[in-house]
Structures are given as structure tokens and as C-alpha cells.
Amino acid sequence: QYSTYLFGTVEVVAGMLLLVGIFTRWSAFVL
């Protein structure tokens, strides 16, 4: 349950950062 929320949150936040190009390398690394 916690992992689902964690993965989903990481996907949304890092995905949005990647989409707009902020903290690109960090976002790509985390994903």
C-alpha cells in the first residue's frame, strides 16, 4: 500500500518535473 503511493507520487512529481524541464537529470535519475 505504501509502495503504491510512493511509486505513484514519484511518477507524478518526477514526471511533471521532467515534462517541463526542471531538475531534469535528478528527475530522470529518480525515475
Full PDB file with SEQRES, HELIX, SHEET, SSBOND, CRYST1, ORIGX, SCALE, CONECT and MASTER records, all heavy atoms in Angstrom:
SEQRES   1 A   31  GLN TYR SER THR TYR LEU PHE GLY THR VAL GLU VAL VAL          
SEQRES   2 A   31  ALA GLY MET LEU LEU LEU VAL GLY ILE PHE THR ARG TRP          
SEQRES   3 A   31  SER ALA PHE VAL LEU                                          
HELIX    1 AA1 TYR A    2  VAL A   20  1                                  19    
HELIX    2 AA2 THR A   24  VAL A   30  1                                   7    
CRYST1    1.000    1.000    1.000  90.00  90.00  90.00 P 1           1          
ORIGX1      1.000000  0.000000  0.000000        0.00000                         
ORIGX2      0.000000  1.000000  0.000000        0.00000                         
ORIGX3      0.000000  0.000000  1.000000        0.00000                         
SCALE1      1.000000  0.000000  0.000000        0.00000                         
SCALE2      0.000000  1.000000  0.000000        0.00000                         
SCALE3      0.000000  0.000000  1.000000        0.00000                         
ATOM      1  N   GLN A   1       0.826  -1.200   0.000  1.00  0.00           N  
ATOM      2  CA  GLN A   1       0.000   0.000   0.000  1.00  0.00           C  
ATOM      3  C   GLN A   1       0.867   1.260   0.000  1.00  0.00           C  
ATOM      4  O   GLN A   1       0.661   2.168  -0.800  1.00  0.00           O  
ATOM      5  CB  GLN A   1      -0.932   0.013   1.202  1.00  0.00           C  
ATOM      6  CG  GLN A   1      -1.894   1.184   1.170  1.00  0.00           C  
ATOM      7  CD  GLN A   1      -2.982   1.065   2.229  1.00  0.00           C  
ATOM      8  OE1 GLN A   1      -3.024   0.108   2.980  1.00  0.00           O  
ATOM      9  NE2 GLN A   1      -3.854   2.050   2.274  1.00  0.00           N  
ATOM     10  N   TYR A   2       1.857   1.310   0.893  1.00  0.00           N  
ATOM     11  CA  TYR A   2       2.752   2.462   0.947  1.00  0.00           C  
ATOM     12  C   TYR A   2       3.582   2.579  -0.332  1.00  0.00           C  
ATOM     13  O   TYR A   2       3.807   3.682  -0.831  1.00  0.00           O  
ATOM     14  CB  TYR A   2       3.659   2.383   2.171  1.00  0.00           C  
ATOM     15  CG  TYR A   2       2.893   2.383   3.467  1.00  0.00           C  
ATOM     16  CD1 TYR A   2       2.853   1.252   4.272  1.00  0.00           C  
ATOM     17  CD2 TYR A   2       2.184   3.514   3.875  1.00  0.00           C  
ATOM     18  CE1 TYR A   2       2.140   1.242   5.459  1.00  0.00           C  
ATOM     19  CE2 TYR A   2       1.463   3.514   5.060  1.00  0.00           C  
ATOM     20  CZ  TYR A   2       1.441   2.371   5.843  1.00  0.00           C  
ATOM     21  OH  TYR A   2       0.728   2.368   7.007  1.00  0.00           O  
ATOM     22  N   SER A   3       4.030   1.441  -0.837  1.00  0.00           N  
ATOM     23  CA  SER A   3       4.836   1.437  -2.065  1.00  0.00           C  
ATOM     24  C   SER A   3       4.035   1.964  -3.247  1.00  0.00           C  
ATOM     25  O   SER A   3       4.564   2.672  -4.103  1.00  0.00           O  
ATOM     26  CB  SER A   3       5.344   0.030  -2.365  1.00  0.00           C  
ATOM     27  OG  SER A   3       6.225  -0.397  -1.368  1.00  0.00           O  
ATOM     28  N   THR A   4       2.755   1.630  -3.297  1.00  0.00           N  
ATOM     29  CA  THR A   4       1.895   2.125  -4.379  1.00  0.00           C  
ATOM     30  C   THR A   4       1.812   3.640  -4.335  1.00  0.00           C  
ATOM     31  O   THR A   4       1.964   4.315  -5.361  1.00  0.00           O  
ATOM     32  CB  THR A   4       0.490   1.511  -4.279  1.00  0.00           C  
ATOM     33  OG1 THR A   4       0.601   0.089  -4.364  1.00  0.00           O  
ATOM     34  CG2 THR A   4      -0.413   2.012  -5.389  1.00  0.00           C  
ATOM     35  N   TYR A   5       1.590   4.186  -3.156  1.00  0.00           N  
ATOM     36  CA  TYR A   5       1.537   5.648  -3.017  1.00  0.00           C  
ATOM     37  C   TYR A   5       2.898   6.277  -3.322  1.00  0.00           C  
ATOM     38  O   TYR A   5       2.970   7.325  -3.976  1.00  0.00           O  
ATOM     39  CB  TYR A   5       1.066   6.052  -1.616  1.00  0.00           C  
ATOM     40  CG  TYR A   5      -0.409   5.891  -1.419  1.00  0.00           C  
ATOM     41  CD1 TYR A   5      -0.918   4.848  -0.645  1.00  0.00           C  
ATOM     42  CD2 TYR A   5      -1.307   6.776  -2.001  1.00  0.00           C  
ATOM     43  CE1 TYR A   5      -2.287   4.700  -0.450  1.00  0.00           C  
ATOM     44  CE2 TYR A   5      -2.679   6.632  -1.817  1.00  0.00           C  
ATOM     45  CZ  TYR A   5      -3.163   5.597  -1.041  1.00  0.00           C  
ATOM     46  OH  TYR A   5      -4.515   5.448  -0.866  1.00  0.00           O  
ATOM     47  N   LEU A   6       3.959   5.646  -2.865  1.00  0.00           N  
ATOM     48  CA  LEU A   6       5.300   6.171  -3.117  1.00  0.00           C  
ATOM     49  C   LEU A   6       5.611   6.181  -4.610  1.00  0.00           C  
ATOM     50  O   LEU A   6       6.028   7.206  -5.161  1.00  0.00           O  
ATOM     51  CB  LEU A   6       6.352   5.356  -2.358  1.00  0.00           C  
ATOM     52  CG  LEU A   6       7.800   5.757  -2.600  1.00  0.00           C  
ATOM     53  CD1 LEU A   6       8.057   7.155  -2.047  1.00  0.00           C  
ATOM     54  CD2 LEU A   6       8.745   4.752  -1.971  1.00  0.00           C  
ATOM     55  N   PHE A   7       5.408   5.036  -5.279  1.00  0.00           N  
ATOM     56  CA  PHE A   7       5.690   4.963  -6.713  1.00  0.00           C  
ATOM     57  C   PHE A   7       4.811   5.935  -7.491  1.00  0.00           C  
ATOM     58  O   PHE A   7       5.295   6.617  -8.397  1.00  0.00           O  
ATOM     59  CB  PHE A   7       5.495   3.528  -7.233  1.00  0.00           C  
ATOM     60  CG  PHE A   7       6.722   2.675  -7.110  1.00  0.00           C  
ATOM     61  CD1 PHE A   7       6.959   1.960  -5.950  1.00  0.00           C  
ATOM     62  CD2 PHE A   7       7.627   2.580  -8.142  1.00  0.00           C  
ATOM     63  CE1 PHE A   7       8.091   1.172  -5.822  1.00  0.00           C  
ATOM     64  CE2 PHE A   7       8.753   1.795  -8.034  1.00  0.00           C  
ATOM     65  CZ  PHE A   7       8.991   1.086  -6.870  1.00  0.00           C  
ATOM     66  N   GLY A   8       3.535   5.997  -7.154  1.00  0.00           N  
ATOM     67  CA  GLY A   8       2.635   6.910  -7.856  1.00  0.00           C  
ATOM     68  C   GLY A   8       3.037   8.360  -7.685  1.00  0.00           C  
ATOM     69  O   GLY A   8       3.048   9.131  -8.647  1.00  0.00           O  
ATOM     70  N   THR A   9       3.390   8.733  -6.464  1.00  0.00           N  
ATOM     71  CA  THR A   9       3.809  10.111  -6.193  1.00  0.00           C  
ATOM     72  C   THR A   9       5.104  10.451  -6.922  1.00  0.00           C  
ATOM     73  O   THR A   9       5.230  11.524  -7.523  1.00  0.00           O  
ATOM     74  CB  THR A   9       3.967  10.333  -4.677  1.00  0.00           C  
ATOM     75  OG1 THR A   9       2.722  10.031  -4.037  1.00  0.00           O  
ATOM     76  CG2 THR A   9       4.367  11.760  -4.372  1.00  0.00           C  
ATOM     77  N   VAL A  10       6.057   9.544  -6.879  1.00  0.00           N  
ATOM     78  CA  VAL A  10       7.325   9.762  -7.588  1.00  0.00           C  
ATOM     79  C   VAL A  10       7.078   9.892  -9.084  1.00  0.00           C  
ATOM     80  O   VAL A  10       7.646  10.764  -9.743  1.00  0.00           O  
ATOM     81  CB  VAL A  10       8.342   8.639  -7.278  1.00  0.00           C  
ATOM     82  CG1 VAL A  10       9.512   8.658  -8.238  1.00  0.00           C  
ATOM     83  CG2 VAL A  10       8.828   8.756  -5.839  1.00  0.00           C  
ATOM     84  N   GLU A  11       6.217   9.035  -9.621  1.00  0.00           N  
ATOM     85  CA  GLU A  11       5.927   9.110 -11.055  1.00  0.00           C  
ATOM     86  C   GLU A  11       5.290  10.442 -11.429  1.00  0.00           C  
ATOM     87  O   GLU A  11       5.666  11.047 -12.439  1.00  0.00           O  
ATOM     88  CB  GLU A  11       5.011   7.957 -11.470  1.00  0.00           C  
ATOM     89  CG  GLU A  11       5.706   6.625 -11.529  1.00  0.00           C  
ATOM     90  CD  GLU A  11       4.758   5.463 -11.764  1.00  0.00           C  
ATOM     91  OE1 GLU A  11       3.533   5.591 -11.515  1.00  0.00           O  
ATOM     92  OE2 GLU A  11       5.243   4.403 -12.205  1.00  0.00           O  
ATOM     93  N   VAL A  12       4.360  10.919 -10.623  1.00  0.00           N  
ATOM     94  CA  VAL A  12       3.695  12.192 -10.928  1.00  0.00           C  
ATOM     95  C   VAL A  12       4.670  13.359 -10.780  1.00  0.00           C  
ATOM     96  O   VAL A  12       4.819  14.172 -11.700  1.00  0.00           O  
ATOM     97  CB  VAL A  12       2.449  12.411 -10.029  1.00  0.00           C  
ATOM     98  CG1 VAL A  12       1.930  13.835 -10.163  1.00  0.00           C  
ATOM     99  CG2 VAL A  12       1.363  11.422 -10.380  1.00  0.00           C  
ATOM    100  N   VAL A  13       5.345  13.449  -9.646  1.00  0.00           N  
ATOM    101  CA  VAL A  13       6.212  14.602  -9.377  1.00  0.00           C  
ATOM    102  C   VAL A  13       7.418  14.612 -10.319  1.00  0.00           C  
ATOM    103  O   VAL A  13       7.676  15.620 -10.999  1.00  0.00           O  
ATOM    104  CB  VAL A  13       6.658  14.631  -7.898  1.00  0.00           C  
ATOM    105  CG1 VAL A  13       7.700  15.710  -7.666  1.00  0.00           C  
ATOM    106  CG2 VAL A  13       5.451  14.849  -6.987  1.00  0.00           C  
ATOM    107  N   ALA A  14       8.152  13.517 -10.372  1.00  0.00           N  
ATOM    108  CA  ALA A  14       9.337  13.471 -11.246  1.00  0.00           C  
ATOM    109  C   ALA A  14       8.928  13.561 -12.711  1.00  0.00           C  
ATOM    110  O   ALA A  14       9.628  14.186 -13.522  1.00  0.00           O  
ATOM    111  CB  ALA A  14      10.143  12.209 -10.979  1.00  0.00           C  
ATOM    112  N   GLY A  15       7.791  12.963 -13.057  1.00  0.00           N  
ATOM    113  CA  GLY A  15       7.303  13.052 -14.433  1.00  0.00           C  
ATOM    114  C   GLY A  15       6.979  14.483 -14.825  1.00  0.00           C  
ATOM    115  O   GLY A  15       7.321  14.937 -15.921  1.00  0.00           O  
ATOM    116  N   MET A  16       6.317  15.219 -13.941  1.00  0.00           N  
ATOM    117  CA  MET A  16       5.991  16.621 -14.232  1.00  0.00           C  
ATOM    118  C   MET A  16       7.253  17.472 -14.325  1.00  0.00           C  
ATOM    119  O   MET A  16       7.360  18.342 -15.195  1.00  0.00           O  
ATOM    120  CB  MET A  16       5.048  17.187 -13.172  1.00  0.00           C  
ATOM    121  CG  MET A  16       3.643  16.609 -13.217  1.00  0.00           C  
ATOM    122  SD  MET A  16       2.813  16.831 -14.798  1.00  0.00           S  
ATOM    123  CE  MET A  16       2.608  18.595 -14.814  1.00  0.00           C  
ATOM    124  N   LEU A  17       8.203  17.229 -13.420  1.00  0.00           N  
ATOM    125  CA  LEU A  17       9.470  17.971 -13.484  1.00  0.00           C  
ATOM    126  C   LEU A  17      10.205  17.677 -14.788  1.00  0.00           C  
ATOM    127  O   LEU A  17      10.764  18.577 -15.418  1.00  0.00           O  
ATOM    128  CB  LEU A  17      10.350  17.633 -12.282  1.00  0.00           C  
ATOM    129  CG  LEU A  17       9.867  18.145 -10.931  1.00  0.00           C  
ATOM    130  CD1 LEU A  17      10.730  17.582  -9.799  1.00  0.00           C  
ATOM    131  CD2 LEU A  17       9.860  19.665 -10.892  1.00  0.00           C  
ATOM    132  N   LEU A  18      10.179  16.422 -15.194  1.00  0.00           N  
ATOM    133  CA  LEU A  18      10.810  16.037 -16.460  1.00  0.00           C  
ATOM    134  C   LEU A  18      10.076  16.681 -17.628  1.00  0.00           C  
ATOM    135  O   LEU A  18      10.711  17.184 -18.565  1.00  0.00           O  
ATOM    136  CB  LEU A  18      10.784  14.512 -16.574  1.00  0.00           C  
ATOM    137  CG  LEU A  18      11.814  13.818 -17.435  1.00  0.00           C  
ATOM    138  CD1 LEU A  18      13.227  14.122 -16.955  1.00  0.00           C  
ATOM    139  CD2 LEU A  18      11.574  12.319 -17.421  1.00  0.00           C  
ATOM    140  N   LEU A  19       8.769  16.683 -17.577  1.00  0.00           N  
ATOM    141  CA  LEU A  19       7.950  17.243 -18.648  1.00  0.00           C  
ATOM    142  C   LEU A  19       8.284  18.703 -18.915  1.00  0.00           C  
ATOM    143  O   LEU A  19       8.454  19.111 -20.059  1.00  0.00           O  
ATOM    144  CB  LEU A  19       6.468  17.093 -18.293  1.00  0.00           C  
ATOM    145  CG  LEU A  19       5.449  17.607 -19.302  1.00  0.00           C  
ATOM    146  CD1 LEU A  19       5.433  16.731 -20.538  1.00  0.00           C  
ATOM    147  CD2 LEU A  19       4.079  17.659 -18.674  1.00  0.00           C  
ATOM    148  N   VAL A  20       8.404  19.503 -17.862  1.00  0.00           N  
ATOM    149  CA  VAL A  20       8.667  20.934 -18.041  1.00  0.00           C  
ATOM    150  C   VAL A  20      10.160  21.262 -18.069  1.00  0.00           C  
ATOM    151  O   VAL A  20      10.538  22.373 -18.415  1.00  0.00           O  
ATOM    152  CB  VAL A  20       7.953  21.791 -16.971  1.00  0.00           C  
ATOM    153  CG1 VAL A  20       6.456  21.621 -17.079  1.00  0.00           C  
ATOM    154  CG2 VAL A  20       8.435  21.490 -15.578  1.00  0.00           C  
ATOM    155  N   GLY A  21      10.987  20.305 -17.702  1.00  0.00           N  
ATOM    156  CA  GLY A  21      12.424  20.516 -17.791  1.00  0.00           C  
ATOM    157  C   GLY A  21      13.031  21.228 -16.605  1.00  0.00           C  
ATOM    158  O   GLY A  21      13.862  22.118 -16.759  1.00  0.00           O  
ATOM    159  N   ILE A  22      12.595  20.866 -15.407  1.00  0.00           N  
ATOM    160  CA  ILE A  22      13.196  21.390 -14.181  1.00  0.00           C  
ATOM    161  C   ILE A  22      13.797  20.205 -13.434  1.00  0.00           C  
ATOM    162  O   ILE A  22      13.151  19.167 -13.303  1.00  0.00           O  
ATOM    163  CB  ILE A  22      12.154  22.095 -13.290  1.00  0.00           C  
ATOM    164  CG1 ILE A  22      11.534  23.275 -14.028  1.00  0.00           C  
ATOM    165  CG2 ILE A  22      12.778  22.556 -11.979  1.00  0.00           C  
ATOM    166  CD1 ILE A  22      10.414  23.948 -13.280  1.00  0.00           C  
ATOM    167  N   PHE A  23      15.007  20.375 -12.933  1.00  0.00           N  
ATOM    168  CA  PHE A  23      15.716  19.275 -12.266  1.00  0.00           C  
ATOM    169  C   PHE A  23      15.687  18.014 -13.137  1.00  0.00           C  
ATOM    170  O   PHE A  23      15.425  16.903 -12.664  1.00  0.00           O  
ATOM    171  CB  PHE A  23      15.128  18.976 -10.879  1.00  0.00           C  
ATOM    172  CG  PHE A  23      15.115  20.143  -9.952  1.00  0.00           C  
ATOM    173  CD1 PHE A  23      13.916  20.700  -9.523  1.00  0.00           C  
ATOM    174  CD2 PHE A  23      16.302  20.715  -9.522  1.00  0.00           C  
ATOM    175  CE1 PHE A  23      13.902  21.793  -8.670  1.00  0.00           C  
ATOM    176  CE2 PHE A  23      16.300  21.808  -8.669  1.00  0.00           C  
ATOM    177  CZ  PHE A  23      15.101  22.345  -8.240  1.00  0.00           C  
ATOM    178  N   THR A  24      15.969  18.210 -14.401  1.00  0.00           N  
ATOM    179  CA  THR A  24      15.833  17.147 -15.392  1.00  0.00           C  
ATOM    180  C   THR A  24      16.666  15.922 -15.057  1.00  0.00           C  
ATOM    181  O   THR A  24      16.152  14.796 -15.059  1.00  0.00           O  
ATOM    182  CB  THR A  24      16.242  17.674 -16.783  1.00  0.00           C  
ATOM    183  OG1 THR A  24      15.407  18.782 -17.102  1.00  0.00           O  
ATOM    184  CG2 THR A  24      16.117  16.604 -17.842  1.00  0.00           C  
ATOM    185  N   ARG A  25      17.928  16.125 -14.775  1.00  0.00           N  
ATOM    186  CA  ARG A  25      18.794  14.968 -14.513  1.00  0.00           C  
ATOM    187  C   ARG A  25      18.392  14.253 -13.225  1.00  0.00           C  
ATOM    188  O   ARG A  25      18.402  13.030 -13.159  1.00  0.00           O  
ATOM    189  CB  ARG A  25      20.251  15.407 -14.481  1.00  0.00           C  
ATOM    190  CG  ARG A  25      20.776  15.698 -15.879  1.00  0.00           C  
ATOM    191  CD  ARG A  25      22.278  15.969 -15.866  1.00  0.00           C  
ATOM    192  NE  ARG A  25      22.823  15.845 -17.184  1.00  0.00           N  
ATOM    193  CZ  ARG A  25      23.129  16.877 -17.962  1.00  0.00           C  
ATOM    194  NH1 ARG A  25      22.917  18.111 -17.542  1.00  0.00           N  
ATOM    195  NH2 ARG A  25      23.646  16.675 -19.153  1.00  0.00           N  
ATOM    196  N   TRP A  26      18.034  15.006 -12.190  1.00  0.00           N  
ATOM    197  CA  TRP A  26      17.593  14.381 -10.940  1.00  0.00           C  
ATOM    198  C   TRP A  26      16.303  13.598 -11.150  1.00  0.00           C  
ATOM    199  O   TRP A  26      16.140  12.493 -10.637  1.00  0.00           O  
ATOM    200  CB  TRP A  26      17.411  15.429  -9.837  1.00  0.00           C  
ATOM    201  CG  TRP A  26      18.714  15.863  -9.255  1.00  0.00           C  
ATOM    202  CD1 TRP A  26      19.347  17.052  -9.462  1.00  0.00           C  
ATOM    203  CD2 TRP A  26      19.563  15.107  -8.393  1.00  0.00           C  
ATOM    204  NE1 TRP A  26      20.537  17.079  -8.784  1.00  0.00           N  
ATOM    205  CE2 TRP A  26      20.699  15.897  -8.113  1.00  0.00           C  
ATOM    206  CE3 TRP A  26      19.483  13.840  -7.834  1.00  0.00           C  
ATOM    207  CZ2 TRP A  26      21.727  15.468  -7.305  1.00  0.00           C  
ATOM    208  CZ3 TRP A  26      20.522  13.409  -7.020  1.00  0.00           C  
ATOM    209  CH2 TRP A  26      21.624  14.213  -6.764  1.00  0.00           C  
ATOM    210  N   SER A  27      15.374  14.181 -11.886  1.00  0.00           N  
ATOM    211  CA  SER A  27      14.105  13.506 -12.152  1.00  0.00           C  
ATOM    212  C   SER A  27      14.327  12.215 -12.931  1.00  0.00           C  
ATOM    213  O   SER A  27      13.757  11.170 -12.597  1.00  0.00           O  
ATOM    214  CB  SER A  27      13.170  14.422 -12.939  1.00  0.00           C  
ATOM    215  OG  SER A  27      12.910  15.597 -12.226  1.00  0.00           O  
ATOM    216  N   ALA A  28      15.159  12.290 -13.960  1.00  0.00           N  
ATOM    217  CA  ALA A  28      15.458  11.094 -14.755  1.00  0.00           C  
ATOM    218  C   ALA A  28      16.131  10.038 -13.882  1.00  0.00           C  
ATOM    219  O   ALA A  28      15.822   8.842 -13.988  1.00  0.00           O  
ATOM    220  CB  ALA A  28      16.347  11.455 -15.941  1.00  0.00           C  
ATOM    221  N   PHE A  29      17.022  10.470 -13.010  1.00  0.00           N  
ATOM    222  CA  PHE A  29      17.734   9.538 -12.132  1.00  0.00           C  
ATOM    223  C   PHE A  29      16.780   8.830 -11.165  1.00  0.00           C  
ATOM    224  O   PHE A  29      16.821   7.610 -11.012  1.00  0.00           O  
ATOM    225  CB  PHE A  29      18.826  10.280 -11.353  1.00  0.00           C  
ATOM    226  CG  PHE A  29      19.602   9.417 -10.415  1.00  0.00           C  
ATOM    227  CD1 PHE A  29      20.492   8.466 -10.901  1.00  0.00           C  
ATOM    228  CD2 PHE A  29      19.453   9.550  -9.047  1.00  0.00           C  
ATOM    229  CE1 PHE A  29      21.210   7.655 -10.032  1.00  0.00           C  
ATOM    230  CE2 PHE A  29      20.171   8.745  -8.172  1.00  0.00           C  
ATOM    231  CZ  PHE A  29      21.051   7.796  -8.663  1.00  0.00           C  
ATOM    232  N   VAL A  30      15.892   9.596 -10.544  1.00  0.00           N  
ATOM    233  CA  VAL A  30      14.942   9.015  -9.583  1.00  0.00           C  
ATOM    234  C   VAL A  30      14.004   8.035 -10.288  1.00  0.00           C  
ATOM    235  O   VAL A  30      13.755   6.929  -9.790  1.00  0.00           O  
ATOM    236  CB  VAL A  30      14.158  10.128  -8.855  1.00  0.00           C  
ATOM    237  CG1 VAL A  30      12.982   9.569  -8.089  1.00  0.00           C  
ATOM    238  CG2 VAL A  30      15.083  10.910  -7.930  1.00  0.00           C  
ATOM    239  N   LEU A  31      13.480   8.432 -11.435  1.00  0.00           N  
ATOM    240  CA  LEU A  31      12.603   7.530 -12.186  1.00  0.00           C  
ATOM    241  C   LEU A  31      13.352   6.278 -12.644  1.00  0.00           C  
ATOM    242  O   LEU A  31      12.814   5.169 -12.617  1.00  0.00           O  
ATOM    243  CB  LEU A  31      11.995   8.260 -13.385  1.00  0.00           C  
ATOM    244  CG  LEU A  31      10.944   9.313 -13.051  1.00  0.00           C  
ATOM    245  CD1 LEU A  31      10.636  10.184 -14.263  1.00  0.00           C  
ATOM    246  CD2 LEU A  31       9.684   8.660 -12.513  1.00  0.00           C  
TER     247      LEU A  31                                                      
MASTER        0    0    0    2    0    0    0    6  246    1    0    3          
END                                                                             
